[in-house]
Amino acid sequence: MKNVTDRTSNPFGMSPPCQHECDESGESGVRAVFGYGDANADVHVVGDHPGVHGGAATGVPFTGGTAGERLQPILNDVGLLGDAYSDEPAAANVFFSYLHVCCLPENRAPTDREYADLEPFFDAELRAIAAHVLVPVGERATRYVLGTYAAREAMLDAADGEDPMADLHADHLPGRGFLVVPVRDPSDWEEGDGERLASSLADLLATDYRQTADLGRFLAEHDTYEVR
């Protein structure tokens, strides 16, 4: 099933209660960094919030900072973006969104209550996109995705070392209807992390990663009817 929309930014018209300008000078006029990309995407990249992963000036996730500068070229290399880096990247089969889209004073991190308040907006958009592969970036997004959509949050706590994301980075983890590919926060990348992610995504995209069910057996005709 395909979504009936060709809107690139905020394709489903989400209206979260965002009150603060991302740019405190008021020049950008951006209060939220909404989901962006191909609404029919198979790959959904999930970030944390504008203060850590960017977008305050553009309103586009993973722009204007280290996260986008390191992540976008890799997505371009594997064919998911049409630009090596852009403030309005040409998305091809990829969608970006944040757990918490609203901007907050001085780019501070959201409180647990603030994350919870916006959780229904994020969850509704994720289910509307209905991607097959979830790519959470950073520990907060990974913990949420593994706990909510894979029932595998314990993998973070069981990882060896001080940085559990270093162990899970670029792995392929089966979830409940999703394949999860955790990504270490790009600001923490060490030598080889970028190449490891590029290789992981390239290998994944070369396989039949889509998870569908054939409901054709319920039809009078002998036709295939696949759903997500």
Protein backbone atom coordinates (compact mmCIF):
# COMPACT_ATOMS: atom_id res chain seq x y z
CA MET A 1 0.00 0.00 0.00
CA LYS A 2 1.29 3.46 -0.93
CA ASN A 3 0.64 6.75 0.80
CA VAL A 4 -1.38 9.23 -1.21
CA THR A 5 0.92 12.21 -0.78
CA ASP A 6 3.89 13.72 -2.54
CA ARG A 7 4.65 16.22 0.23
CA THR A 8 8.27 16.13 1.30
CA SER A 9 8.05 18.01 4.62
CA ASN A 10 5.51 17.07 7.29
CA PRO A 11 3.56 14.98 4.77
CA PHE A 12 0.70 14.17 7.15
CA GLY A 13 0.21 17.68 8.54
CA MET A 14 1.24 16.99 12.12
CA SER A 15 0.55 19.91 14.49
CA PRO A 16 2.43 19.37 17.76
CA PRO A 17 2.22 22.15 20.39
CA CYS A 18 5.61 23.77 19.70
CA GLN A 19 6.07 27.17 21.37
CA HIS A 20 9.71 28.18 20.95
CA GLU A 21 11.70 29.39 17.95
CA CYS A 22 14.63 27.18 17.02
CA ASP A 23 16.66 30.30 16.32
CA GLU A 24 16.21 32.56 19.33
CA SER A 25 16.80 35.61 17.12
CA GLY A 26 13.52 34.73 15.40
CA GLU A 27 15.09 34.95 11.94
CA SER A 28 14.40 31.37 10.85
CA GLY A 29 10.77 31.26 11.98
CA VAL A 30 11.22 27.52 12.64
CA ARG A 31 9.48 26.10 15.70
CA ALA A 32 9.61 22.44 14.75
CA VAL A 33 11.81 20.20 12.63
CA PHE A 34 9.16 18.01 11.02
CA GLY A 35 9.55 14.67 9.29
CA TYR A 36 11.08 15.01 5.84
CA GLY A 37 11.63 12.83 2.80
CA ASP A 38 9.87 10.14 0.80
CA ALA A 39 6.56 9.34 2.51
CA ASN A 40 6.55 5.94 0.73
CA ALA A 41 10.05 5.09 1.96
CA ASP A 42 11.28 1.66 2.95
CA VAL A 43 13.96 3.20 5.21
CA HIS A 44 13.06 5.49 8.13
CA VAL A 45 15.93 7.32 9.86
CA VAL A 46 14.99 8.31 13.42
CA GLY A 47 16.87 11.07 15.23
CA ASP A 48 16.56 12.61 18.69
CA HIS A 49 15.70 16.34 18.69
CA PRO A 50 16.78 19.52 16.85
CA GLY A 51 19.20 20.57 19.57
CA VAL A 52 21.38 17.51 19.03
CA HIS A 53 20.83 16.47 15.39
CA GLY A 54 20.23 19.81 13.67
CA GLY A 55 17.66 21.61 11.57
CA ALA A 56 17.18 24.81 13.58
CA ALA A 57 17.78 27.06 10.58
CA THR A 58 16.28 24.88 7.85
CA GLY A 59 13.47 22.94 9.49
CA VAL A 60 14.92 19.77 7.93
CA PRO A 61 16.24 16.88 10.09
CA PHE A 62 19.95 16.13 9.99
CA THR A 63 20.99 19.45 8.49
CA GLY A 64 23.14 22.24 9.87
CA GLY A 65 25.41 20.17 12.08
CA THR A 66 27.82 17.28 12.51
CA ALA A 67 25.13 14.61 12.35
CA GLY A 68 23.97 15.58 8.87
CA GLU A 69 27.46 16.32 7.57
CA ARG A 70 28.56 12.78 8.42
CA LEU A 71 25.34 10.87 7.77
CA GLN A 72 24.08 12.40 4.52
CA PRO A 73 27.11 11.46 2.37
CA ILE A 74 26.77 7.82 3.43
CA LEU A 75 23.08 7.77 2.51
CA ASN A 76 24.03 9.31 -0.82
CA ASP A 77 26.67 6.62 -1.42
CA VAL A 78 24.12 3.82 -0.93
CA GLY A 79 21.52 5.49 -3.15
CA LEU A 80 19.08 6.84 -0.57
CA LEU A 81 19.87 10.52 -1.16
CA GLY A 82 20.49 12.40 -4.38
CA ASP A 83 22.95 14.81 -2.75
CA ALA A 84 26.19 14.29 -0.87
CA TYR A 85 25.02 17.07 1.47
CA SER A 86 22.18 19.55 1.21
CA ASP A 87 19.85 21.56 3.44
CA GLU A 88 17.04 20.14 1.29
CA PRO A 89 18.32 16.68 0.36
CA ALA A 90 16.67 14.80 -2.50
CA ALA A 91 15.35 11.75 -0.66
CA ALA A 92 14.89 8.49 -2.55
CA ASN A 93 13.29 5.72 -0.48
CA VAL A 94 14.27 7.32 2.84
CA PHE A 95 12.37 9.39 5.42
CA PHE A 96 13.79 11.33 8.38
CA SER A 97 12.12 12.30 11.63
CA TYR A 98 12.88 13.10 15.27
CA LEU A 99 11.47 11.68 18.49
CA HIS A 100 10.90 15.28 19.63
CA VAL A 101 10.34 17.73 16.77
CA CYS A 102 9.85 20.90 18.81
CA CYS A 103 12.63 23.40 19.41
CA LEU A 104 13.40 24.26 23.03
CA PRO A 105 15.16 27.24 24.65
CA GLU A 106 18.93 27.22 24.18
CA ASN A 107 18.63 23.92 22.30
CA ARG A 108 18.33 22.06 25.59
CA ALA A 109 17.35 18.39 25.68
CA PRO A 110 13.65 17.61 26.23
CA THR A 111 12.54 16.34 29.61
CA ASP A 112 11.02 12.87 29.91
CA ARG A 113 7.59 14.51 30.09
CA GLU A 114 8.27 16.54 26.94
CA TYR A 115 9.34 13.41 25.06
CA ALA A 116 6.17 11.66 26.25
CA ASP A 117 3.96 14.56 25.16
CA LEU A 118 5.19 14.27 21.55
CA GLU A 119 5.37 10.48 21.43
CA PRO A 120 1.89 10.13 19.87
CA PHE A 121 2.87 12.42 16.97
CA PHE A 122 6.06 10.49 16.31
CA ASP A 123 4.35 7.11 16.56
CA ALA A 124 1.52 8.15 14.24
CA GLU A 125 3.96 9.35 11.59
CA LEU A 126 6.13 6.25 11.87
CA ARG A 127 3.13 3.98 11.38
CA ALA A 128 1.87 6.10 8.47
CA ILE A 129 5.24 5.84 6.70
CA ALA A 130 5.24 2.07 7.41
CA ALA A 131 8.89 1.63 6.46
CA HIS A 132 10.49 -1.81 6.56
CA VAL A 133 13.82 -0.65 8.02
CA LEU A 134 14.20 1.65 11.04
CA VAL A 135 17.56 3.40 11.46
CA PRO A 136 17.68 5.04 14.91
CA VAL A 137 20.56 7.48 15.39
CA GLY A 138 22.04 7.88 18.85
CA GLU A 139 21.31 6.08 22.10
CA ARG A 140 18.01 7.82 22.95
CA ALA A 141 16.43 7.04 19.58
CA THR A 142 17.85 3.51 19.57
CA ARG A 143 16.55 2.76 23.05
CA TYR A 144 13.09 3.97 22.08
CA VAL A 145 12.96 2.08 18.78
CA LEU A 146 14.31 -1.17 20.23
CA GLY A 147 11.93 -0.98 23.19
CA THR A 148 8.80 0.08 21.31
CA TYR A 149 9.09 -1.66 17.95
CA ALA A 150 11.38 -4.60 18.61
CA ALA A 151 11.01 -5.54 22.31
CA ARG A 152 14.83 -5.68 22.42
CA GLU A 153 15.80 -2.68 24.55
CA ALA A 154 17.78 -5.01 26.81
CA MET A 155 20.39 -5.31 24.05
CA LEU A 156 21.62 -1.83 24.93
CA ASP A 157 22.08 -2.73 28.58
CA ALA A 158 23.74 -6.03 27.72
CA ALA A 159 26.31 -4.49 25.36
CA ASP A 160 29.93 -4.56 26.46
CA GLY A 161 31.92 -1.42 27.20
CA GLU A 162 31.02 2.11 28.28
CA ASP A 163 29.35 2.98 24.97
CA PRO A 164 26.75 0.35 24.06
CA MET A 165 26.13 2.07 20.72
CA ALA A 166 29.68 1.26 19.65
CA ASP A 167 28.78 -2.44 19.83
CA LEU A 168 25.38 -2.19 18.14
CA HIS A 169 26.43 0.32 15.48
CA ALA A 170 25.30 -0.76 11.97
CA ASP A 171 24.10 -4.21 13.07
CA HIS A 172 20.93 -5.75 11.58
CA LEU A 173 18.46 -6.48 14.41
CA PRO A 174 15.09 -8.11 13.63
CA GLY A 175 12.11 -6.42 15.28
CA ARG A 176 8.35 -6.81 15.34
CA GLY A 177 7.66 -6.19 11.67
CA PHE A 178 10.77 -4.02 11.27
CA LEU A 179 14.46 -4.53 10.73
CA VAL A 180 16.41 -2.17 13.01
CA VAL A 181 19.86 -0.81 12.12
CA PRO A 182 21.16 1.21 15.11
CA VAL A 183 23.59 4.03 14.36
CA ARG A 184 26.06 5.44 16.86
CA ASP A 185 25.64 9.20 17.23
CA PRO A 186 27.72 10.71 14.39
CA SER A 187 29.37 13.16 16.80
CA ASP A 188 30.87 10.12 18.58
CA TRP A 189 32.07 8.28 15.48
CA GLU A 190 35.56 6.90 15.49
CA GLU A 191 37.69 5.75 12.58
CA GLY A 192 35.83 3.15 10.57
CA ASP A 193 32.33 3.86 11.88
CA GLY A 194 31.26 5.61 8.70
CA GLU A 195 32.58 2.84 6.48
CA ARG A 196 30.94 0.21 8.68
CA LEU A 197 27.56 1.90 8.31
CA ALA A 198 27.94 2.34 4.55
CA SER A 199 28.80 -1.34 4.12
CA SER A 200 25.93 -2.42 6.36
CA LEU A 201 23.33 -0.36 4.48
CA ALA A 202 24.67 -1.38 1.07
CA ASP A 203 24.48 -5.06 2.02
CA LEU A 204 20.97 -4.60 3.39
CA LEU A 205 19.63 -2.76 0.35
CA ALA A 206 21.00 -5.50 -1.90
CA THR A 207 18.76 -8.06 -0.16
CA ASP A 208 15.01 -8.61 -0.01
CA TYR A 209 14.55 -6.76 3.28
CA ARG A 210 10.82 -6.04 2.86
CA GLN A 211 8.52 -7.69 5.38
CA THR A 212 5.06 -8.31 3.90
CA ALA A 213 2.22 -10.81 4.21
CA ASP A 214 0.31 -12.27 1.28
CA LEU A 215 -3.45 -12.09 1.94
CA GLY A 216 -4.32 -13.41 -1.51
CA ARG A 217 -5.58 -16.64 0.04
CA PHE A 218 -8.59 -14.70 1.34
CA LEU A 219 -9.61 -13.52 -2.14
CA ALA A 220 -11.98 -15.30 -4.50
CA GLU A 221 -9.47 -14.99 -7.32
CA HIS A 222 -6.03 -16.56 -7.18
CA ASP A 223 -4.23 -13.23 -7.02
CA THR A 224 -1.38 -12.04 -4.83
CA TYR A 225 -2.36 -9.33 -2.37
CA GLU A 226 0.64 -8.26 -0.29
CA VAL A 227 0.32 -5.88 2.65
CA ARG A 228 2.84 -4.37 5.04
